[in-house]
Amino acid sequence: MEMLLMGLCISVFGFGIAALAFGAATREEAAEPTAKAEVPAKPVVPGRFFVTPMLPVVPPARQVPIEVLLLQIENHVRLEQAAAESFVEFPTEALLHCKTTSPFVN
């Protein structure tokens, strides 16, 4: 029971501190006196970290004929099928984890 009351007291104290902080943060400031002399504003100068913007040079994309791509895909499929057939004929753990000779990544 004593621990419960102690926790309740600490919670109420924390809530009071939070309420004071919230009140201070949302309080409106009093209007500044108008008798102050106005200070002329400095002209805004843009940053000159990068003087001239550098655009990246992108080389033009090479056009590969579709027939070449189709032949590469067919070759890859044949190599994968051959690897699967050799594994079905004689399944070993080494064949399961070895890479094929295809240039494409599995």
C-alpha atoms as a PDB file:
ATOM      1  CA  MET A   1       0.000   0.000   0.000  1.00  0.00           C
ATOM      2  CA  GLU A   2       2.851   2.343   0.852  1.00  0.00           C
ATOM      3  CA  MET A   3       4.474   1.753  -2.531  1.00  0.00           C
ATOM      4  CA  LEU A   4       1.185   2.500  -4.263  1.00  0.00           C
ATOM      5  CA  LEU A   5       0.825   5.799  -2.414  1.00  0.00           C
ATOM      6  CA  MET A   6       4.449   6.674  -3.135  1.00  0.00           C
ATOM      7  CA  GLY A   7       3.931   5.993  -6.856  1.00  0.00           C
ATOM      8  CA  LEU A   8       0.751   8.083  -6.804  1.00  0.00           C
ATOM      9  CA  CYS A   9       2.551  11.007  -5.145  1.00  0.00           C
ATOM     10  CA  ILE A  10       5.422  10.867  -7.634  1.00  0.00           C
ATOM     11  CA  SER A  11       2.929  10.705 -10.533  1.00  0.00           C
ATOM     12  CA  VAL A  12       1.017  13.754  -9.263  1.00  0.00           C
ATOM     13  CA  PHE A  13       4.270  15.647  -8.781  1.00  0.00           C
ATOM     14  CA  GLY A  14       5.412  14.756 -12.327  1.00  0.00           C
ATOM     15  CA  PHE A  15       2.045  15.804 -13.721  1.00  0.00           C
ATOM     16  CA  GLY A  16       2.343  19.164 -11.959  1.00  0.00           C
ATOM     17  CA  ILE A  17       5.818  19.746 -13.400  1.00  0.00           C
ATOM     18  CA  ALA A  18       4.569  18.815 -16.881  1.00  0.00           C
ATOM     19  CA  ALA A  19       1.593  21.194 -16.531  1.00  0.00           C
ATOM     20  CA  LEU A  20       3.907  24.064 -15.494  1.00  0.00           C
ATOM     21  CA  ALA A  21       6.231  23.387 -18.429  1.00  0.00           C
ATOM     22  CA  PHE A  22       3.294  23.251 -20.846  1.00  0.00           C
ATOM     23  CA  GLY A  23       1.904  26.504 -19.466  1.00  0.00           C
ATOM     24  CA  ALA A  24       5.253  28.225 -19.839  1.00  0.00           C
ATOM     25  CA  ALA A  25       5.667  26.968 -23.396  1.00  0.00           C
ATOM     26  CA  THR A  26       2.249  28.112 -24.574  1.00  0.00           C
ATOM     27  CA  ARG A  27       2.177  31.474 -22.803  1.00  0.00           C
ATOM     28  CA  GLU A  28       1.961  34.442 -25.144  1.00  0.00           C
ATOM     29  CA  GLU A  29       4.746  36.988 -24.945  1.00  0.00           C
ATOM     30  CA  ALA A  30       3.930  40.584 -24.057  1.00  0.00           C
ATOM     31  CA  ALA A  31       3.967  42.989 -26.981  1.00  0.00           C
ATOM     32  CA  GLU A  32       7.352  44.622 -27.485  1.00  0.00           C
ATOM     33  CA  PRO A  33       7.487  48.383 -26.973  1.00  0.00           C
ATOM     34  CA  THR A  34       7.243  50.317 -30.245  1.00  0.00           C
ATOM     35  CA  ALA A  35       9.763  52.930 -29.100  1.00  0.00           C
ATOM     36  CA  LYS A  36      12.669  50.780 -30.291  1.00  0.00           C
ATOM     37  CA  ALA A  37      14.587  52.097 -33.235  1.00  0.00           C
ATOM     38  CA  GLU A  38      14.240  49.874 -36.227  1.00  0.00           C
ATOM     39  CA  VAL A  39      17.423  48.145 -37.297  1.00  0.00           C
ATOM     40  CA  PRO A  40      17.886  47.956 -41.058  1.00  0.00           C
ATOM     41  CA  ALA A  41      17.875  44.355 -42.252  1.00  0.00           C
ATOM     42  CA  LYS A  42      20.999  42.992 -43.931  1.00  0.00           C
ATOM     43  CA  PRO A  43      20.530  41.912 -47.531  1.00  0.00           C
ATOM     44  CA  VAL A  44      20.248  38.177 -47.896  1.00  0.00           C
ATOM     45  CA  VAL A  45      23.097  36.748 -49.951  1.00  0.00           C
ATOM     46  CA  PRO A  46      22.553  33.261 -51.352  1.00  0.00           C
ATOM     47  CA  GLY A  47      25.059  30.642 -50.292  1.00  0.00           C
ATOM     48  CA  ARG A  48      27.870  30.040 -52.736  1.00  0.00           C
ATOM     49  CA  PHE A  49      29.103  26.675 -51.573  1.00  0.00           C
ATOM     50  CA  PHE A  50      28.746  25.228 -55.071  1.00  0.00           C
ATOM     51  CA  VAL A  51      29.312  28.022 -57.542  1.00  0.00           C
ATOM     52  CA  THR A  52      28.112  26.224 -60.649  1.00  0.00           C
ATOM     53  CA  PRO A  53      25.840  23.202 -60.488  1.00  0.00           C
ATOM     54  CA  MET A  54      27.525  20.096 -61.877  1.00  0.00           C
ATOM     55  CA  LEU A  55      25.192  17.739 -63.663  1.00  0.00           C
ATOM     56  CA  PRO A  56      26.233  14.076 -63.722  1.00  0.00           C
ATOM     57  CA  VAL A  57      27.404  12.753 -67.047  1.00  0.00           C
ATOM     58  CA  VAL A  58      25.245   9.805 -68.017  1.00  0.00           C
ATOM     59  CA  PRO A  59      26.514   7.753 -70.935  1.00  0.00           C
ATOM     60  CA  PRO A  60      23.886   6.836 -73.512  1.00  0.00           C
ATOM     61  CA  ALA A  61      22.367   3.415 -73.011  1.00  0.00           C
ATOM     62  CA  ARG A  62      23.616   0.725 -75.369  1.00  0.00           C
ATOM     63  CA  GLN A  63      20.908  -0.972 -77.331  1.00  0.00           C
ATOM     64  CA  VAL A  64      21.339  -4.741 -77.374  1.00  0.00           C
ATOM     65  CA  PRO A  65      19.362  -6.641 -79.974  1.00  0.00           C
ATOM     66  CA  ILE A  66      16.533  -8.713 -78.546  1.00  0.00           C
ATOM     67  CA  GLU A  67      17.834 -11.825 -80.317  1.00  0.00           C
ATOM     68  CA  VAL A  68      21.068 -11.682 -78.320  1.00  0.00           C
ATOM     69  CA  LEU A  69      19.142 -11.448 -75.061  1.00  0.00           C
ATOM     70  CA  LEU A  70      16.875 -14.340 -76.042  1.00  0.00           C
ATOM     71  CA  LEU A  71      19.883 -16.529 -76.907  1.00  0.00           C
ATOM     72  CA  GLN A  72      21.498 -15.753 -73.539  1.00  0.00           C
ATOM     73  CA  ILE A  73      18.290 -16.629 -71.689  1.00  0.00           C
ATOM     74  CA  GLU A  74      17.879 -19.883 -73.652  1.00  0.00           C
ATOM     75  CA  ASN A  75      21.488 -20.834 -72.900  1.00  0.00           C
ATOM     76  CA  HIS A  76      20.940 -20.101 -69.216  1.00  0.00           C
ATOM     77  CA  VAL A  77      17.776 -22.231 -69.143  1.00  0.00           C
ATOM     78  CA  ARG A  78      19.586 -25.138 -70.850  1.00  0.00           C
ATOM     79  CA  LEU A  79      22.440 -24.986 -68.333  1.00  0.00           C
ATOM     80  CA  GLU A  80      20.020 -24.882 -65.391  1.00  0.00           C
ATOM     81  CA  GLN A  81      18.044 -27.820 -66.774  1.00  0.00           C
ATOM     82  CA  ALA A  82      21.249 -29.822 -67.246  1.00  0.00           C
ATOM     83  CA  ALA A  83      22.289 -29.080 -63.668  1.00  0.00           C
ATOM     84  CA  ALA A  84      18.852 -30.152 -62.390  1.00  0.00           C
ATOM     85  CA  GLU A  85      18.936 -33.382 -64.425  1.00  0.00           C
ATOM     86  CA  SER A  86      22.396 -34.289 -63.155  1.00  0.00           C
ATOM     87  CA  PHE A  87      21.205 -33.700 -59.590  1.00  0.00           C
ATOM     88  CA  VAL A  88      18.107 -35.879 -60.120  1.00  0.00           C
ATOM     89  CA  GLU A  89      20.250 -38.712 -61.541  1.00  0.00           C
ATOM     90  CA  PHE A  90      22.790 -38.654 -58.727  1.00  0.00           C
ATOM     91  CA  PRO A  91      21.744 -36.420 -55.812  1.00  0.00           C
ATOM     92  CA  THR A  92      24.587 -35.348 -53.557  1.00  0.00           C
ATOM     93  CA  GLU A  93      25.034 -32.474 -51.184  1.00  0.00           C
ATOM     94  CA  ALA A  94      27.968 -31.172 -53.239  1.00  0.00           C
ATOM     95  CA  LEU A  95      25.814 -30.940 -56.386  1.00  0.00           C
ATOM     96  CA  LEU A  96      23.092 -29.231 -54.409  1.00  0.00           C
ATOM     97  CA  HIS A  97      25.373 -26.403 -53.318  1.00  0.00           C
ATOM     98  CA  CYS A  98      27.627 -26.020 -56.390  1.00  0.00           C
ATOM     99  CA  LYS A  99      27.184 -23.206 -58.876  1.00  0.00           C
ATOM    100  CA  THR A 100      26.338 -23.762 -62.507  1.00  0.00           C
ATOM    101  CA  THR A 101      28.462 -22.549 -65.391  1.00  0.00           C
ATOM    102  CA  SER A 102      25.812 -20.032 -66.394  1.00  0.00           C
ATOM    103  CA  PRO A 103      26.985 -16.403 -66.443  1.00  0.00           C
ATOM    104  CA  PHE A 104      23.707 -15.331 -64.806  1.00  0.00           C
ATOM    105  CA  VAL A 105      23.420 -15.376 -61.030  1.00  0.00           C
ATOM    106  CA  ASN A 106      20.914 -17.866 -59.661  1.00  0.00           C
END
